[in-house]
Amino acid sequence: MPIRSSRKISAELDGQSLKQLSVNQRYRSDSPLFIWTLASRDNVLAATGAPIADGTSSPAVADGVHLMLAPLSSGPHTLHFHGEFPAFNFALDITYYLTVQ
């Protein structure tokens, strides 16, 4: 299921909302179908309790919202992302504390 199933997606830089992050806008990109091989441990599917055989290969696509920021001024900055994906019962909330020298 593509990322367009997201109901909430947002990003802030230093407390200021970054606009136009709709999943159907210009910041969204996806990949063609590719094959990847999973490790038997320490992978996202094994974390769900799924039995993963060593060397299992699976078709996949990458689909996401990506940002490119102008160079930041020197000093501390906070970059915050939030997304909710009800179809997968999944949410993420990530904060990066950056120091630009």
C-alpha atoms as a PDB file:
ATOM      1  CA  MET A   1       0.000   0.000   0.000  1.00  0.00           C
ATOM      2  CA  PRO A   2       1.559   3.331  -1.006  1.00  0.00           C
ATOM      3  CA  ILE A   3       2.319   6.192   1.321  1.00  0.00           C
ATOM      4  CA  ARG A   4      -0.719   8.081   0.024  1.00  0.00           C
ATOM      5  CA  SER A   5      -2.692   6.095   2.627  1.00  0.00           C
ATOM      6  CA  SER A   6      -1.159   8.362   5.286  1.00  0.00           C
ATOM      7  CA  ARG A   7      -3.693  10.494   7.105  1.00  0.00           C
ATOM      8  CA  LYS A   8      -1.271  12.840   8.831  1.00  0.00           C
ATOM      9  CA  ILE A   9       2.146  13.950   7.737  1.00  0.00           C
ATOM     10  CA  SER A  10       4.090  16.950   8.995  1.00  0.00           C
ATOM     11  CA  ALA A  11       7.545  18.398   9.470  1.00  0.00           C
ATOM     12  CA  GLU A  12       8.897  21.337  11.439  1.00  0.00           C
ATOM     13  CA  LEU A  13      12.248  23.076  11.443  1.00  0.00           C
ATOM     14  CA  ASP A  14      13.012  25.067  14.582  1.00  0.00           C
ATOM     15  CA  GLY A  15       9.314  25.085  15.485  1.00  0.00           C
ATOM     16  CA  GLN A  16       8.196  26.407  12.087  1.00  0.00           C
ATOM     17  CA  SER A  17       5.883  24.158  10.083  1.00  0.00           C
ATOM     18  CA  LEU A  18       7.160  23.133   6.658  1.00  0.00           C
ATOM     19  CA  LYS A  19       4.185  23.579   4.329  1.00  0.00           C
ATOM     20  CA  GLN A  20       2.823  21.600   1.386  1.00  0.00           C
ATOM     21  CA  LEU A  21       3.797  18.158   2.654  1.00  0.00           C
ATOM     22  CA  SER A  22       0.676  16.476   1.310  1.00  0.00           C
ATOM     23  CA  VAL A  23       1.601  13.002   0.123  1.00  0.00           C
ATOM     24  CA  ASN A  24       0.362  13.899  -3.353  1.00  0.00           C
ATOM     25  CA  GLN A  25       2.598  16.960  -3.633  1.00  0.00           C
ATOM     26  CA  ARG A  26       6.032  17.469  -5.134  1.00  0.00           C
ATOM     27  CA  TYR A  27       7.980  16.057  -2.166  1.00  0.00           C
ATOM     28  CA  ARG A  28       6.695  12.509  -2.663  1.00  0.00           C
ATOM     29  CA  SER A  29       8.690   9.997  -4.677  1.00  0.00           C
ATOM     30  CA  ASP A  30       8.536   6.277  -5.213  1.00  0.00           C
ATOM     31  CA  SER A  31      10.735   3.656  -6.818  1.00  0.00           C
ATOM     32  CA  PRO A  32      10.127   0.943  -9.365  1.00  0.00           C
ATOM     33  CA  LEU A  33       9.751  -2.602  -8.067  1.00  0.00           C
ATOM     34  CA  PHE A  34      13.012  -4.131  -6.800  1.00  0.00           C
ATOM     35  CA  ILE A  35      14.070  -7.306  -4.967  1.00  0.00           C
ATOM     36  CA  TRP A  36      15.755  -7.207  -1.563  1.00  0.00           C
ATOM     37  CA  THR A  37      17.117  -9.934   0.672  1.00  0.00           C
ATOM     38  CA  LEU A  38      16.267  -9.989   4.366  1.00  0.00           C
ATOM     39  CA  ALA A  39      18.584 -11.048   7.137  1.00  0.00           C
ATOM     40  CA  SER A  40      17.197 -13.788   9.378  1.00  0.00           C
ATOM     41  CA  ARG A  41      17.485 -11.518  12.442  1.00  0.00           C
ATOM     42  CA  ASP A  42      17.414  -7.810  13.160  1.00  0.00           C
ATOM     43  CA  ASN A  43      15.082  -6.901  10.314  1.00  0.00           C
ATOM     44  CA  VAL A  44      11.756  -5.110  10.277  1.00  0.00           C
ATOM     45  CA  LEU A  45       9.713  -8.248   9.592  1.00  0.00           C
ATOM     46  CA  ALA A  46      11.429 -10.354  12.267  1.00  0.00           C
ATOM     47  CA  ALA A  47      10.665  -7.547  14.726  1.00  0.00           C
ATOM     48  CA  THR A  48       6.955  -8.285  14.181  1.00  0.00           C
ATOM     49  CA  GLY A  49       7.487 -11.938  15.136  1.00  0.00           C
ATOM     50  CA  ALA A  50       7.235 -13.215  11.563  1.00  0.00           C
ATOM     51  CA  PRO A  51       9.415 -16.295  10.943  1.00  0.00           C
ATOM     52  CA  ILE A  52      11.972 -15.184   8.365  1.00  0.00           C
ATOM     53  CA  ALA A  53      14.178 -17.800   6.727  1.00  0.00           C
ATOM     54  CA  ASP A  54      17.815 -16.786   6.278  1.00  0.00           C
ATOM     55  CA  GLY A  55      18.325 -15.183   2.863  1.00  0.00           C
ATOM     56  CA  THR A  56      14.635 -14.670   2.074  1.00  0.00           C
ATOM     57  CA  SER A  57      14.148 -12.379  -0.925  1.00  0.00           C
ATOM     58  CA  SER A  58      11.074 -10.254  -1.407  1.00  0.00           C
ATOM     59  CA  PRO A  59       9.753  -7.727  -3.931  1.00  0.00           C
ATOM     60  CA  ALA A  60       9.439  -4.185  -2.595  1.00  0.00           C
ATOM     61  CA  VAL A  61       9.105  -0.540  -3.505  1.00  0.00           C
ATOM     62  CA  ALA A  62      10.327   2.583  -1.746  1.00  0.00           C
ATOM     63  CA  ASP A  63       7.726   5.308  -1.298  1.00  0.00           C
ATOM     64  CA  GLY A  64       8.198   8.410   0.779  1.00  0.00           C
ATOM     65  CA  VAL A  65       8.104  12.118   1.310  1.00  0.00           C
ATOM     66  CA  HIS A  66      11.568  13.672   1.151  1.00  0.00           C
ATOM     67  CA  LEU A  67      12.837  17.140   1.961  1.00  0.00           C
ATOM     68  CA  MET A  68      15.893  19.072   0.891  1.00  0.00           C
ATOM     69  CA  LEU A  69      16.614  22.070   3.073  1.00  0.00           C
ATOM     70  CA  ALA A  70      18.636  25.169   2.315  1.00  0.00           C
ATOM     71  CA  PRO A  71      21.901  25.324   4.294  1.00  0.00           C
ATOM     72  CA  LEU A  72      21.183  26.027   7.946  1.00  0.00           C
ATOM     73  CA  SER A  73      22.813  28.829   9.898  1.00  0.00           C
ATOM     74  CA  SER A  74      25.484  27.978  12.464  1.00  0.00           C
ATOM     75  CA  GLY A  75      24.154  26.810  15.808  1.00  0.00           C
ATOM     76  CA  PRO A  76      21.545  24.404  17.140  1.00  0.00           C
ATOM     77  CA  HIS A  77      18.479  23.376  15.133  1.00  0.00           C
ATOM     78  CA  THR A  78      15.577  20.991  15.681  1.00  0.00           C
ATOM     79  CA  LEU A  79      14.042  19.013  12.815  1.00  0.00           C
ATOM     80  CA  HIS A  80      10.833  17.121  13.629  1.00  0.00           C
ATOM     81  CA  PHE A  81       8.845  14.670  11.455  1.00  0.00           C
ATOM     82  CA  HIS A  82       5.486  13.013  12.122  1.00  0.00           C
ATOM     83  CA  GLY A  83       3.469  10.551  10.035  1.00  0.00           C
ATOM     84  CA  GLU A  84       0.519   8.233  10.626  1.00  0.00           C
ATOM     85  CA  PHE A  85      -0.343   5.246   8.446  1.00  0.00           C
ATOM     86  CA  PRO A  86      -3.614   3.693   9.697  1.00  0.00           C
ATOM     87  CA  ALA A  87      -3.640   0.908   7.097  1.00  0.00           C
ATOM     88  CA  PHE A  88      -0.547  -0.536   8.810  1.00  0.00           C
ATOM     89  CA  ASN A  89      -1.387   0.581  12.363  1.00  0.00           C
ATOM     90  CA  PHE A  90       1.926   2.453  12.208  1.00  0.00           C
ATOM     91  CA  ALA A  91       3.051   5.927  13.223  1.00  0.00           C
ATOM     92  CA  LEU A  92       6.411   7.607  13.437  1.00  0.00           C
ATOM     93  CA  ASP A  93       7.517  10.658  15.337  1.00  0.00           C
ATOM     94  CA  ILE A  94      11.182  11.556  14.918  1.00  0.00           C
ATOM     95  CA  THR A  95      13.124  14.537  16.234  1.00  0.00           C
ATOM     96  CA  TYR A  96      16.681  15.344  15.180  1.00  0.00           C
ATOM     97  CA  TYR A  97      18.744  17.751  17.260  1.00  0.00           C
ATOM     98  CA  LEU A  98      21.326  19.240  14.909  1.00  0.00           C
ATOM     99  CA  THR A  99      24.339  21.431  15.547  1.00  0.00           C
ATOM    100  CA  VAL A 100      25.701  23.250  12.511  1.00  0.00           C
ATOM    101  CA  GLN A 101      29.288  24.442  12.822  1.00  0.00           C
END
